[in-house]
PDB file of N, CA and C in Angstrom:
ATOM      1  N   MET A   1     102.484  87.966  88.152  1.00  0.00           N
ATOM      2  CA  MET A   1     101.343  87.124  88.435  1.00  0.00           C
ATOM      3  C   MET A   1     101.847  85.918  89.224  1.00  0.00           C
ATOM      4  N   PRO A   2     101.179  85.573  90.301  1.00  0.00           N
ATOM      5  CA  PRO A   2     101.619  84.420  91.099  1.00  0.00           C
ATOM      6  C   PRO A   2     101.602  83.129  90.287  1.00  0.00           C
ATOM      7  N   ASP A   3     102.520  82.246  90.607  1.00  0.00           N
ATOM      8  CA  ASP A   3     102.641  80.984  89.877  1.00  0.00           C
ATOM      9  C   ASP A   3     101.368  80.146  89.929  1.00  0.00           C
ATOM     10  N   ASP A   4     100.650  80.164  91.049  1.00  0.00           N
ATOM     11  CA  ASP A   4      99.439  79.343  91.124  1.00  0.00           C
ATOM     12  C   ASP A   4      98.387  79.807  90.120  1.00  0.00           C
ATOM     13  N   ILE A   5      98.301  81.097  89.889  1.00  0.00           N
ATOM     14  CA  ILE A   5      97.367  81.620  88.886  1.00  0.00           C
ATOM     15  C   ILE A   5      97.849  81.244  87.491  1.00  0.00           C
ATOM     16  N   ARG A   6      99.131  81.399  87.235  1.00  0.00           N
ATOM     17  CA  ARG A   6      99.684  81.029  85.920  1.00  0.00           C
ATOM     18  C   ARG A   6      99.409  79.561  85.609  1.00  0.00           C
ATOM     19  N   GLN A   7      99.540  78.715  86.606  1.00  0.00           N
ATOM     20  CA  GLN A   7      99.322  77.284  86.401  1.00  0.00           C
ATOM     21  C   GLN A   7      97.856  76.971  86.139  1.00  0.00           C
ATOM     22  N   LYS A   8      96.953  77.738  86.715  1.00  0.00           N
ATOM     23  CA  LYS A   8      95.525  77.513  86.494  1.00  0.00           C
ATOM     24  C   LYS A   8      95.084  78.013  85.122  1.00  0.00           C
ATOM     25  N   MET A   9      95.868  78.884  84.516  1.00  0.00           N
ATOM     26  CA  MET A   9      95.521  79.457  83.218  1.00  0.00           C
ATOM     27  C   MET A   9      96.700  79.302  82.251  1.00  0.00           C
ATOM     28  N   PRO A  10      97.078  78.067  81.919  1.00  0.00           N
ATOM     29  CA  PRO A  10      98.256  77.875  81.061  1.00  0.00           C
ATOM     30  C   PRO A  10      98.053  78.374  79.634  1.00  0.00           C
ATOM     31  N   GLU A  11      96.802  78.588  79.223  1.00  0.00           N
ATOM     32  CA  GLU A  11      96.548  79.066  77.863  1.00  0.00           C
ATOM     33  C   GLU A  11      96.870  80.555  77.698  1.00  0.00           C
ATOM     34  N   ILE A  12      97.051  81.246  78.787  1.00  0.00           N
ATOM     35  CA  ILE A  12      97.409  82.670  78.741  1.00  0.00           C
ATOM     36  C   ILE A  12      98.908  82.773  78.475  1.00  0.00           C
ATOM     37  N   PRO A  13      99.314  83.591  77.525  1.00  0.00           N
ATOM     38  CA  PRO A  13     100.744  83.709  77.192  1.00  0.00           C
ATOM     39  C   PRO A  13     101.495  84.608  78.189  1.00  0.00           C
ATOM     40  N   TRP A  14     101.634  84.135  79.409  1.00  0.00           N
ATOM     41  CA  TRP A  14     102.226  84.937  80.486  1.00  0.00           C
ATOM     42  C   TRP A  14     103.625  85.435  80.133  1.00  0.00           C
ATOM     43  N   ARG A  15     104.487  84.526  79.672  1.00  0.00           N
ATOM     44  CA  ARG A  15     105.867  84.904  79.371  1.00  0.00           C
ATOM     45  C   ARG A  15     105.909  85.955  78.272  1.00  0.00           C
ATOM     46  N   GLU A  16     105.104  85.760  77.229  1.00  0.00           N
ATOM     47  CA  GLU A  16     105.094  86.701  76.117  1.00  0.00           C
ATOM     48  C   GLU A  16     104.610  88.081  76.563  1.00  0.00           C
ATOM     49  N   MET A  17     103.609  88.105  77.439  1.00  0.00           N
ATOM     50  CA  MET A  17     103.120  89.391  77.932  1.00  0.00           C
ATOM     51  C   MET A  17     104.204  90.104  78.735  1.00  0.00           C
ATOM     52  N   ALA A  18     104.918  89.359  79.552  1.00  0.00           N
ATOM     53  CA  ALA A  18     106.009  89.963  80.321  1.00  0.00           C
ATOM     54  C   ALA A  18     107.104  90.468  79.390  1.00  0.00           C
ATOM     55  N   ASP A  19     107.388  89.701  78.339  1.00  0.00           N
ATOM     56  CA  ASP A  19     108.413  90.123  77.378  1.00  0.00           C
ATOM     57  C   ASP A  19     108.028  91.430  76.687  1.00  0.00           C
ATOM     58  N   VAL A  20     106.775  91.544  76.275  1.00  0.00           N
ATOM     59  CA  VAL A  20     106.311  92.770  75.618  1.00  0.00           C
ATOM     60  C   VAL A  20     106.401  93.945  76.583  1.00  0.00           C
ATOM     61  N   ARG A  21     106.009  93.719  77.806  1.00  0.00           N
ATOM     62  CA  ARG A  21     106.110  94.778  78.814  1.00  0.00           C
ATOM     63  C   ARG A  21     107.555  95.240  78.959  1.00  0.00           C
ATOM     64  N   ASN A  22     108.474  94.283  79.027  1.00  0.00           N
ATOM     65  CA  ASN A  22     109.889  94.632  79.183  1.00  0.00           C
ATOM     66  C   ASN A  22     110.410  95.410  77.975  1.00  0.00           C
ATOM     67  N   ILE A  23     109.986  95.022  76.789  1.00  0.00           N
ATOM     68  CA  ILE A  23     110.414  95.735  75.581  1.00  0.00           C
ATOM     69  C   ILE A  23     109.888  97.171  75.607  1.00  0.00           C
ATOM     70  N   ILE A  24     108.621  97.323  75.974  1.00  0.00           N
ATOM     71  CA  ILE A  24     108.030  98.666  76.009  1.00  0.00           C
ATOM     72  C   ILE A  24     108.725  99.535  77.053  1.00  0.00           C
ATOM     73  N   VAL A  25     108.963  98.971  78.218  1.00  0.00           N
ATOM     74  CA  VAL A  25     109.539  99.749  79.306  1.00  0.00           C
ATOM     75  C   VAL A  25     111.020 100.040  79.083  1.00  0.00           C
ATOM     76  N   HIS A  26     111.754  99.059  78.571  1.00  0.00           N
ATOM     77  CA  HIS A  26     113.197  99.201  78.469  1.00  0.00           C
ATOM     78  C   HIS A  26     113.704  99.415  77.054  1.00  0.00           C
ATOM     79  N   GLY A  27     112.824  99.248  76.065  1.00  0.00           N
ATOM     80  CA  GLY A  27     113.260  99.349  74.676  1.00  0.00           C
ATOM     81  C   GLY A  27     113.376 100.766  74.163  1.00  0.00           C
ATOM     82  N   TYR A  28     112.678 101.671  74.838  1.00  0.00           N
ATOM     83  CA  TYR A  28     112.710 103.075  74.472  1.00  0.00           C
ATOM     84  C   TYR A  28     112.459 103.279  72.983  1.00  0.00           C
ATOM     85  N   PHE A  29     113.477 103.624  72.219  1.00  0.00           N
ATOM     86  CA  PHE A  29     113.285 103.983  70.818  1.00  0.00           C
ATOM     87  C   PHE A  29     113.283 102.789  69.875  1.00  0.00           C
ATOM     88  N   SER A  30     113.478 101.598  70.398  1.00  0.00           N
ATOM     89  CA  SER A  30     113.480 100.424  69.531  1.00  0.00           C
ATOM     90  C   SER A  30     112.125  99.727  69.496  1.00  0.00           C
ATOM     91  N   VAL A  31     111.118 100.300  70.145  1.00  0.00           N
ATOM     92  CA  VAL A  31     109.782  99.704  70.143  1.00  0.00           C
ATOM     93  C   VAL A  31     109.204  99.795  68.740  1.00  0.00           C
ATOM     94  N   ASN A  32     108.690  98.668  68.254  1.00  0.00           N
ATOM     95  CA  ASN A  32     108.090  98.609  66.930  1.00  0.00           C
ATOM     96  C   ASN A  32     106.600  98.942  67.074  1.00  0.00           C
ATOM     97  N   LEU A  33     106.245 100.171  66.742  1.00  0.00           N
ATOM     98  CA  LEU A  33     104.870 100.629  66.957  1.00  0.00           C
ATOM     99  C   LEU A  33     103.826  99.821  66.194  1.00  0.00           C
ATOM    100  N   PRO A  34     104.075  99.402  64.942  1.00  0.00           N
ATOM    101  CA  PRO A  34     103.065  98.560  64.274  1.00  0.00           C
ATOM    102  C   PRO A  34     102.811  97.238  65.006  1.00  0.00           C
ATOM    103  N   ILE A  35     103.836  96.666  65.606  1.00  0.00           N
ATOM    104  CA  ILE A  35     103.631  95.430  66.369  1.00  0.00           C
ATOM    105  C   ILE A  35     102.802  95.715  67.611  1.00  0.00           C
ATOM    106  N   ILE A  36     103.113  96.792  68.300  1.00  0.00           N
ATOM    107  CA  ILE A  36     102.344  97.151  69.494  1.00  0.00           C
ATOM    108  C   ILE A  36     100.894  97.430  69.115  1.00  0.00           C
ATOM    109  N   TRP A  37     100.674  98.132  68.022  1.00  0.00           N
ATOM    110  CA  TRP A  37      99.302  98.424  67.593  1.00  0.00           C
ATOM    111  C   TRP A  37      98.560  97.138  67.246  1.00  0.00           C
ATOM    112  N   ASN A  38      99.232  96.181  66.630  1.00  0.00           N
ATOM    113  CA  ASN A  38      98.608  94.898  66.325  1.00  0.00           C
ATOM    114  C   ASN A  38      98.191  94.184  67.614  1.00  0.00           C
ATOM    115  N   ILE A  39      99.029  94.251  68.617  1.00  0.00           N
ATOM    116  CA  ILE A  39      98.676  93.654  69.906  1.00  0.00           C
ATOM    117  C   ILE A  39      97.410  94.304  70.451  1.00  0.00           C
ATOM    118  N   VAL A  40      97.352  95.613  70.388  1.00  0.00           N
ATOM    119  CA  VAL A  40      96.182  96.349  70.887  1.00  0.00           C
ATOM    120  C   VAL A  40      94.934  95.981  70.090  1.00  0.00           C
ATOM    121  N   GLU A  41      95.051  95.972  68.781  1.00  0.00           N
ATOM    122  CA  GLU A  41      93.890  95.764  67.911  1.00  0.00           C
ATOM    123  C   GLU A  41      93.430  94.310  67.832  1.00  0.00           C
ATOM    124  N   VAL A  42      94.361  93.358  67.894  1.00  0.00           N
ATOM    125  CA  VAL A  42      94.028  91.964  67.598  1.00  0.00           C
ATOM    126  C   VAL A  42      94.084  91.059  68.821  1.00  0.00           C
ATOM    127  N   GLU A  43      95.053  91.215  69.652  1.00  0.00           N
ATOM    128  CA  GLU A  43      95.319  90.215  70.676  1.00  0.00           C
ATOM    129  C   GLU A  43      94.717  90.499  72.044  1.00  0.00           C
ATOM    130  N   ILE A  44      94.450  91.733  72.362  1.00  0.00           N
ATOM    131  CA  ILE A  44      93.966  92.045  73.707  1.00  0.00           C
ATOM    132  C   ILE A  44      92.530  91.573  73.931  1.00  0.00           C
ATOM    133  N   ALA A  45      91.651  91.726  72.975  1.00  0.00           N
ATOM    134  CA  ALA A  45      90.250  91.335  73.174  1.00  0.00           C
ATOM    135  C   ALA A  45      90.096  89.848  73.497  1.00  0.00           C
ATOM    136  N   PRO A  46      90.711  88.937  72.725  1.00  0.00           N
ATOM    137  CA  PRO A  46      90.590  87.516  73.092  1.00  0.00           C
ATOM    138  C   PRO A  46      91.219  87.199  74.448  1.00  0.00           C
ATOM    139  N   LEU A  47      92.320  87.849  74.759  1.00  0.00           N
ATOM    140  CA  LEU A  47      92.966  87.655  76.048  1.00  0.00           C
ATOM    141  C   LEU A  47      92.038  88.105  77.175  1.00  0.00           C
ATOM    142  N   ARG A  48      91.399  89.228  76.988  1.00  0.00           N
ATOM    143  CA  ARG A  48      90.459  89.731  77.998  1.00  0.00           C
ATOM    144  C   ARG A  48      89.318  88.743  78.217  1.00  0.00           C
ATOM    145  N   ARG A  49      88.787  88.165  77.130  1.00  0.00           N
ATOM    146  CA  ARG A  49      87.702  87.190  77.263  1.00  0.00           C
ATOM    147  C   ARG A  49      88.164  85.967  78.058  1.00  0.00           C
ATOM    148  N   GLN A  50      89.381  85.494  77.798  1.00  0.00           N
ATOM    149  CA  GLN A  50      89.908  84.345  78.532  1.00  0.00           C
ATOM    150  C   GLN A  50      89.998  84.652  80.022  1.00  0.00           C
ATOM    151  N   ILE A  51      90.510  85.806  80.351  1.00  0.00           N
ATOM    152  CA  ILE A  51      90.674  86.183  81.756  1.00  0.00           C
ATOM    153  C   ILE A  51      89.312  86.384  82.418  1.00  0.00           C
ATOM    154  N   GLU A  52      88.371  86.973  81.707  1.00  0.00           N
ATOM    155  CA  GLU A  52      87.025  87.147  82.270  1.00  0.00           C
ATOM    156  C   GLU A  52      86.365  85.798  82.546  1.00  0.00           C
ATOM    157  N   ARG A  53      86.552  84.823  81.641  1.00  0.00           N
ATOM    158  CA  ARG A  53      85.995  83.486  81.872  1.00  0.00           C
ATOM    159  C   ARG A  53      86.616  82.860  83.120  1.00  0.00           C
ATOM    160  N   PHE A  54      87.924  83.006  83.249  1.00  0.00           N
ATOM    161  CA  PHE A  54      88.611  82.470  84.419  1.00  0.00           C
ATOM    162  C   PHE A  54      88.084  83.111  85.705  1.00  0.00           C
ATOM    163  N   LEU A  55      87.931  84.418  85.707  1.00  0.00           N
ATOM    164  CA  LEU A  55      87.424  85.111  86.894  1.00  0.00           C
ATOM    165  C   LEU A  55      85.997  84.676  87.220  1.00  0.00           C
ATOM    166  N   ALA A  56      85.189  84.460  86.193  1.00  0.00           N
ATOM    167  CA  ALA A  56      83.817  83.992  86.411  1.00  0.00           C
ATOM    168  C   ALA A  56      83.826  82.599  87.036  1.00  0.00           C
ATOM    169  N   GLU A  57      84.747  81.744  86.583  1.00  0.00           N
ATOM    170  CA  GLU A  57      84.865  80.408  87.163  1.00  0.00           C
ATOM    171  C   GLU A  57      85.273  80.504  88.630  1.00  0.00           C
ATOM    172  N   LEU A  58      86.145  81.427  88.949  1.00  0.00           N
ATOM    173  CA  LEU A  58      86.548  81.618  90.347  1.00  0.00           C
ATOM    174  C   LEU A  58      85.355  82.033  91.203  1.00  0.00           C
ATOM    175  N   ASP A  59      84.515  82.915  90.654  1.00  0.00           N
ATOM    176  CA  ASP A  59      83.337  83.365  91.383  1.00  0.00           C
ATOM    177  C   ASP A  59      82.350  82.228  91.627  1.00  0.00           C
ATOM    178  N   ASP A  60      82.291  81.286  90.664  1.00  0.00           N
ATOM    179  CA  ASP A  60      81.350  80.165  90.768  1.00  0.00           C
ATOM    180  C   ASP A  60      81.892  79.012  91.604  1.00  0.00           C
ATOM    181  N   ALA A  61      83.171  79.014  91.900  1.00  0.00           N
ATOM    182  CA  ALA A  61      83.789  77.901  92.637  1.00  0.00           C
ATOM    183  C   ALA A  61      83.322  77.932  94.092  1.00  0.00           C
ATOM    184  N   PRO A  62      83.111  76.729  94.651  1.00  0.00           N
ATOM    185  CA  PRO A  62      82.742  76.696  96.072  1.00  0.00           C
ATOM    186  C   PRO A  62      83.923  77.136  96.929  1.00  0.00           C
ATOM    187  N   PRO A  63      83.634  77.687  98.096  1.00  0.00           N
ATOM    188  CA  PRO A  63      84.737  78.136  98.971  1.00  0.00           C
ATOM    189  C   PRO A  63      85.635  76.966  99.353  1.00  0.00           C
ATOM    190  N   ALA A  64      86.903  77.253  99.507  1.00  0.00           N
ATOM    191  CA  ALA A  64      87.871  76.196  99.846  1.00  0.00           C
ATOM    192  C   ALA A  64      87.806  75.834 101.311  1.00  0.00           C
TER     193      ALA A  64
END
């Protein structure tokens, strides 16, 4: 994600999301499935709402 977007949305856990991605991609057999399932069940929905609000704000912003 470009730095300018990250700076506009500091409440999004960008580093943590990248870390989880790296663990999933490179961790192979050390991935803790209950933790991943918790992320899917608990954390993705609020994150999606935050990103949708941000995108809606972008749509409402006047052209630069």
